[in-house]
C-alpha atoms as a PDB file:
ATOM      1  CA  UNK A   1       7.992 -89.473-128.497  1.00  0.00           C
ATOM      2  CA  UNK A   2       4.773 -91.449-128.684  1.00  0.00           C
ATOM      3  CA  UNK A   3       1.977 -91.008-126.149  1.00  0.00           C
ATOM      4  CA  UNK A   4      -1.217 -92.907-125.400  1.00  0.00           C
ATOM      5  CA  UNK A   5      -4.442 -90.894-125.221  1.00  0.00           C
ATOM      6  CA  UNK A   6      -7.767 -92.021-123.726  1.00  0.00           C
ATOM      7  CA  UNK A   7     -11.190 -90.327-123.744  1.00  0.00           C
ATOM      8  CA  UNK A   8     -12.677 -89.917-120.265  1.00  0.00           C
ATOM      9  CA  UNK A   9     -14.042 -93.235-119.016  1.00  0.00           C
ATOM     10  CA  UNK A  10     -12.618 -95.210-121.950  1.00  0.00           C
ATOM     11  CA  UNK A  11      -9.914 -97.865-122.110  1.00  0.00           C
ATOM     12  CA  UNK A  12      -9.581 -97.475-125.895  1.00  0.00           C
ATOM     13  CA  UNK A  13      -6.083 -96.159-126.575  1.00  0.00           C
ATOM     14  CA  UNK A  14      -5.144 -93.810-129.407  1.00  0.00           C
ATOM     15  CA  UNK A  15      -1.414 -93.253-130.080  1.00  0.00           C
ATOM     16  CA  UNK A  16      -0.098 -89.872-131.229  1.00  0.00           C
ATOM     17  CA  UNK A  17       3.362 -88.369-131.668  1.00  0.00           C
ATOM     18  CA  UNK A  18       4.162 -85.579-129.206  1.00  0.00           C
ATOM     19  CA  UNK A  19       6.097 -82.881-131.003  1.00  0.00           C
ATOM     20  CA  UNK A  20       6.203 -80.214-128.278  1.00  0.00           C
ATOM     21  CA  UNK A  21       6.085 -80.383-124.489  1.00  0.00           C
ATOM     22  CA  UNK A  22       6.249 -77.918-121.625  1.00  0.00           C
ATOM     23  CA  UNK A  23       5.440 -77.937-117.925  1.00  0.00           C
ATOM     24  CA  UNK A  24       1.967 -76.581-118.726  1.00  0.00           C
ATOM     25  CA  UNK A  25       0.996 -78.617-121.783  1.00  0.00           C
ATOM     26  CA  UNK A  26       1.882 -80.496-124.927  1.00  0.00           C
ATOM     27  CA  UNK A  27       1.151 -80.642-128.635  1.00  0.00           C
ATOM     28  CA  UNK A  28       0.758 -83.603-130.939  1.00  0.00           C
ATOM     29  CA  UNK A  29       1.275 -83.764-134.679  1.00  0.00           C
ATOM     30  CA  UNK A  30      -0.949 -85.619-137.121  1.00  0.00           C
ATOM     31  CA  UNK A  31       0.022 -86.383-140.674  1.00  0.00           C
ATOM     32  CA  UNK A  32      -1.195 -88.427-143.588  1.00  0.00           C
ATOM     33  CA  UNK A  33      -4.376 -90.324-142.839  1.00  0.00           C
ATOM     34  CA  UNK A  34      -4.220 -89.844-139.082  1.00  0.00           C
ATOM     35  CA  UNK A  35      -7.168 -87.972-137.536  1.00  0.00           C
ATOM     36  CA  UNK A  36      -7.781 -86.458-134.108  1.00  0.00           C
ATOM     37  CA  UNK A  37     -10.703 -88.440-132.715  1.00  0.00           C
ATOM     38  CA  UNK A  38     -10.796 -87.482-129.038  1.00  0.00           C
ATOM     39  CA  UNK A  39     -12.935 -84.972-127.156  1.00  0.00           C
ATOM     40  CA  UNK A  40     -12.434 -81.255-127.721  1.00  0.00           C
ATOM     41  CA  UNK A  41     -14.700 -80.352-124.793  1.00  0.00           C
ATOM     42  CA  UNK A  42     -13.723 -82.741-121.982  1.00  0.00           C
ATOM     43  CA  UNK A  43     -10.394 -83.667-120.474  1.00  0.00           C
ATOM     44  CA  UNK A  44      -8.603 -86.628-121.985  1.00  0.00           C
ATOM     45  CA  UNK A  45      -5.990 -88.770-120.295  1.00  0.00           C
ATOM     46  CA  UNK A  46      -2.480 -89.013-121.722  1.00  0.00           C
ATOM     47  CA  UNK A  47       0.318 -91.324-120.618  1.00  0.00           C
ATOM     48  CA  UNK A  48       3.910 -91.318-121.815  1.00  0.00           C
ATOM     49  CA  UNK A  49       7.493 -91.869-120.739  1.00  0.00           C
ATOM     50  CA  UNK A  50      10.222 -89.270-120.840  1.00  0.00           C
ATOM     51  CA  UNK A  51      13.746 -90.508-121.599  1.00  0.00           C
ATOM     52  CA  UNK A  52      15.731 -90.766-118.371  1.00  0.00           C
ATOM     53  CA  UNK A  53      12.637 -90.503-116.130  1.00  0.00           C
ATOM     54  CA  UNK A  54      11.800 -93.687-114.210  1.00  0.00           C
ATOM     55  CA  UNK A  55       8.054 -93.261-113.751  1.00  0.00           C
ATOM     56  CA  UNK A  56       5.661 -92.782-116.682  1.00  0.00           C
ATOM     57  CA  UNK A  57       3.617 -89.588-116.640  1.00  0.00           C
ATOM     58  CA  UNK A  58      -0.169 -89.811-116.414  1.00  0.00           C
ATOM     59  CA  UNK A  59      -1.945 -86.503-117.069  1.00  0.00           C
ATOM     60  CA  UNK A  60      -5.414 -85.120-117.610  1.00  0.00           C
ATOM     61  CA  UNK A  61      -5.245 -82.617-120.458  1.00  0.00           C
ATOM     62  CA  UNK A  62      -7.719 -80.219-122.048  1.00  0.00           C
ATOM     63  CA  UNK A  63      -7.853 -79.489-125.795  1.00  0.00           C
ATOM     64  CA  UNK A  64      -6.931 -75.829-126.455  1.00  0.00           C
ATOM     65  CA  UNK A  65      -6.178 -75.405-130.156  1.00  0.00           C
ATOM     66  CA  UNK A  66      -5.771 -76.961-133.568  1.00  0.00           C
ATOM     67  CA  UNK A  67      -3.613 -75.613-136.385  1.00  0.00           C
ATOM     68  CA  UNK A  68      -2.554 -76.687-139.881  1.00  0.00           C
ATOM     69  CA  UNK A  69       0.902 -75.857-141.243  1.00  0.00           C
ATOM     70  CA  UNK A  70       2.201 -77.258-144.554  1.00  0.00           C
ATOM     71  CA  UNK A  71      -0.168 -80.212-144.507  1.00  0.00           C
ATOM     72  CA  UNK A  72       0.556 -81.147-140.884  1.00  0.00           C
ATOM     73  CA  UNK A  73      -2.105 -80.807-138.226  1.00  0.00           C
ATOM     74  CA  UNK A  74      -1.057 -79.867-134.691  1.00  0.00           C
ATOM     75  CA  UNK A  75      -3.339 -80.230-131.684  1.00  0.00           C
ATOM     76  CA  UNK A  76      -2.457 -78.477-128.434  1.00  0.00           C
ATOM     77  CA  UNK A  77      -3.417 -79.366-124.878  1.00  0.00           C
ATOM     78  CA  UNK A  78      -2.999 -77.768-121.473  1.00  0.00           C
ATOM     79  CA  UNK A  79      -2.504 -79.884-118.353  1.00  0.00           C
ATOM     80  CA  UNK A  80      -5.581 -79.783-116.132  1.00  0.00           C
ATOM     81  CA  UNK A  81      -3.971 -79.101-112.771  1.00  0.00           C
ATOM     82  CA  UNK A  82      -7.249 -79.716-110.900  1.00  0.00           C
ATOM     83  CA  UNK A  83      -7.887 -83.258-112.149  1.00  0.00           C
ATOM     84  CA  UNK A  84      -4.360 -84.572-112.746  1.00  0.00           C
ATOM     85  CA  UNK A  85      -3.138 -86.646-109.782  1.00  0.00           C
ATOM     86  CA  UNK A  86      -0.009 -85.108-108.238  1.00  0.00           C
ATOM     87  CA  UNK A  87      -0.111 -82.484-110.977  1.00  0.00           C
ATOM     88  CA  UNK A  88       2.569 -80.288-109.438  1.00  0.00           C
ATOM     89  CA  UNK A  89       5.029 -83.193-109.202  1.00  0.00           C
ATOM     90  CA  UNK A  90       4.384 -84.271-112.803  1.00  0.00           C
ATOM     91  CA  UNK A  91       4.639 -80.693-114.062  1.00  0.00           C
ATOM     92  CA  UNK A  92       7.966 -80.272-112.236  1.00  0.00           C
ATOM     93  CA  UNK A  93       9.214 -83.543-113.757  1.00  0.00           C
ATOM     94  CA  UNK A  94       8.415 -82.234-117.232  1.00  0.00           C
ATOM     95  CA  UNK A  95      10.055 -78.888-116.459  1.00  0.00           C
ATOM     96  CA  UNK A  96      13.278 -80.612-115.302  1.00  0.00           C
ATOM     97  CA  UNK A  97      13.285 -82.751-118.453  1.00  0.00           C
ATOM     98  CA  UNK A  98      12.737 -79.731-120.742  1.00  0.00           C
ATOM     99  CA  UNK A  99      15.446 -77.694-118.970  1.00  0.00           C
ATOM    100  CA  UNK A 100      17.932 -80.591-119.266  1.00  0.00           C
ATOM    101  CA  UNK A 101      17.148 -81.048-122.983  1.00  0.00           C
ATOM    102  CA  UNK A 102      17.614 -77.322-123.614  1.00  0.00           C
ATOM    103  CA  UNK A 103      20.902 -77.402-121.746  1.00  0.00           C
ATOM    104  CA  UNK A 104      22.084 -80.373-123.831  1.00  0.00           C
ATOM    105  CA  UNK A 105      21.149 -78.609-127.065  1.00  0.00           C
ATOM    106  CA  UNK A 106      23.002 -75.449-126.049  1.00  0.00           C
ATOM    107  CA  UNK A 107      26.107 -77.440-125.175  1.00  0.00           C
ATOM    108  CA  UNK A 108      25.980 -79.029-128.619  1.00  0.00           C
END
């Protein structure tokens, strides 16, 4: 799934591929020439849509780690529950989505 990221106070959008998501955070993957250009010290805004969920999610996230595995860079974020509007509701929406996806995968 693709997500739009914005530095605090900026309307300039950067698109990244989300490769892992949970109710507490998410990770993006960078490959090839793509670089992570957003803040590592301040919250950034991320917006994305989950399949089957009517409303797009709009979160404030904080950079927590960066790793490199077989030429692919992963960048991890935690949801900032203090600055994300209706954070609990959005976190619960993600949790329901993740639980449903896991259930689908187990059913085959």
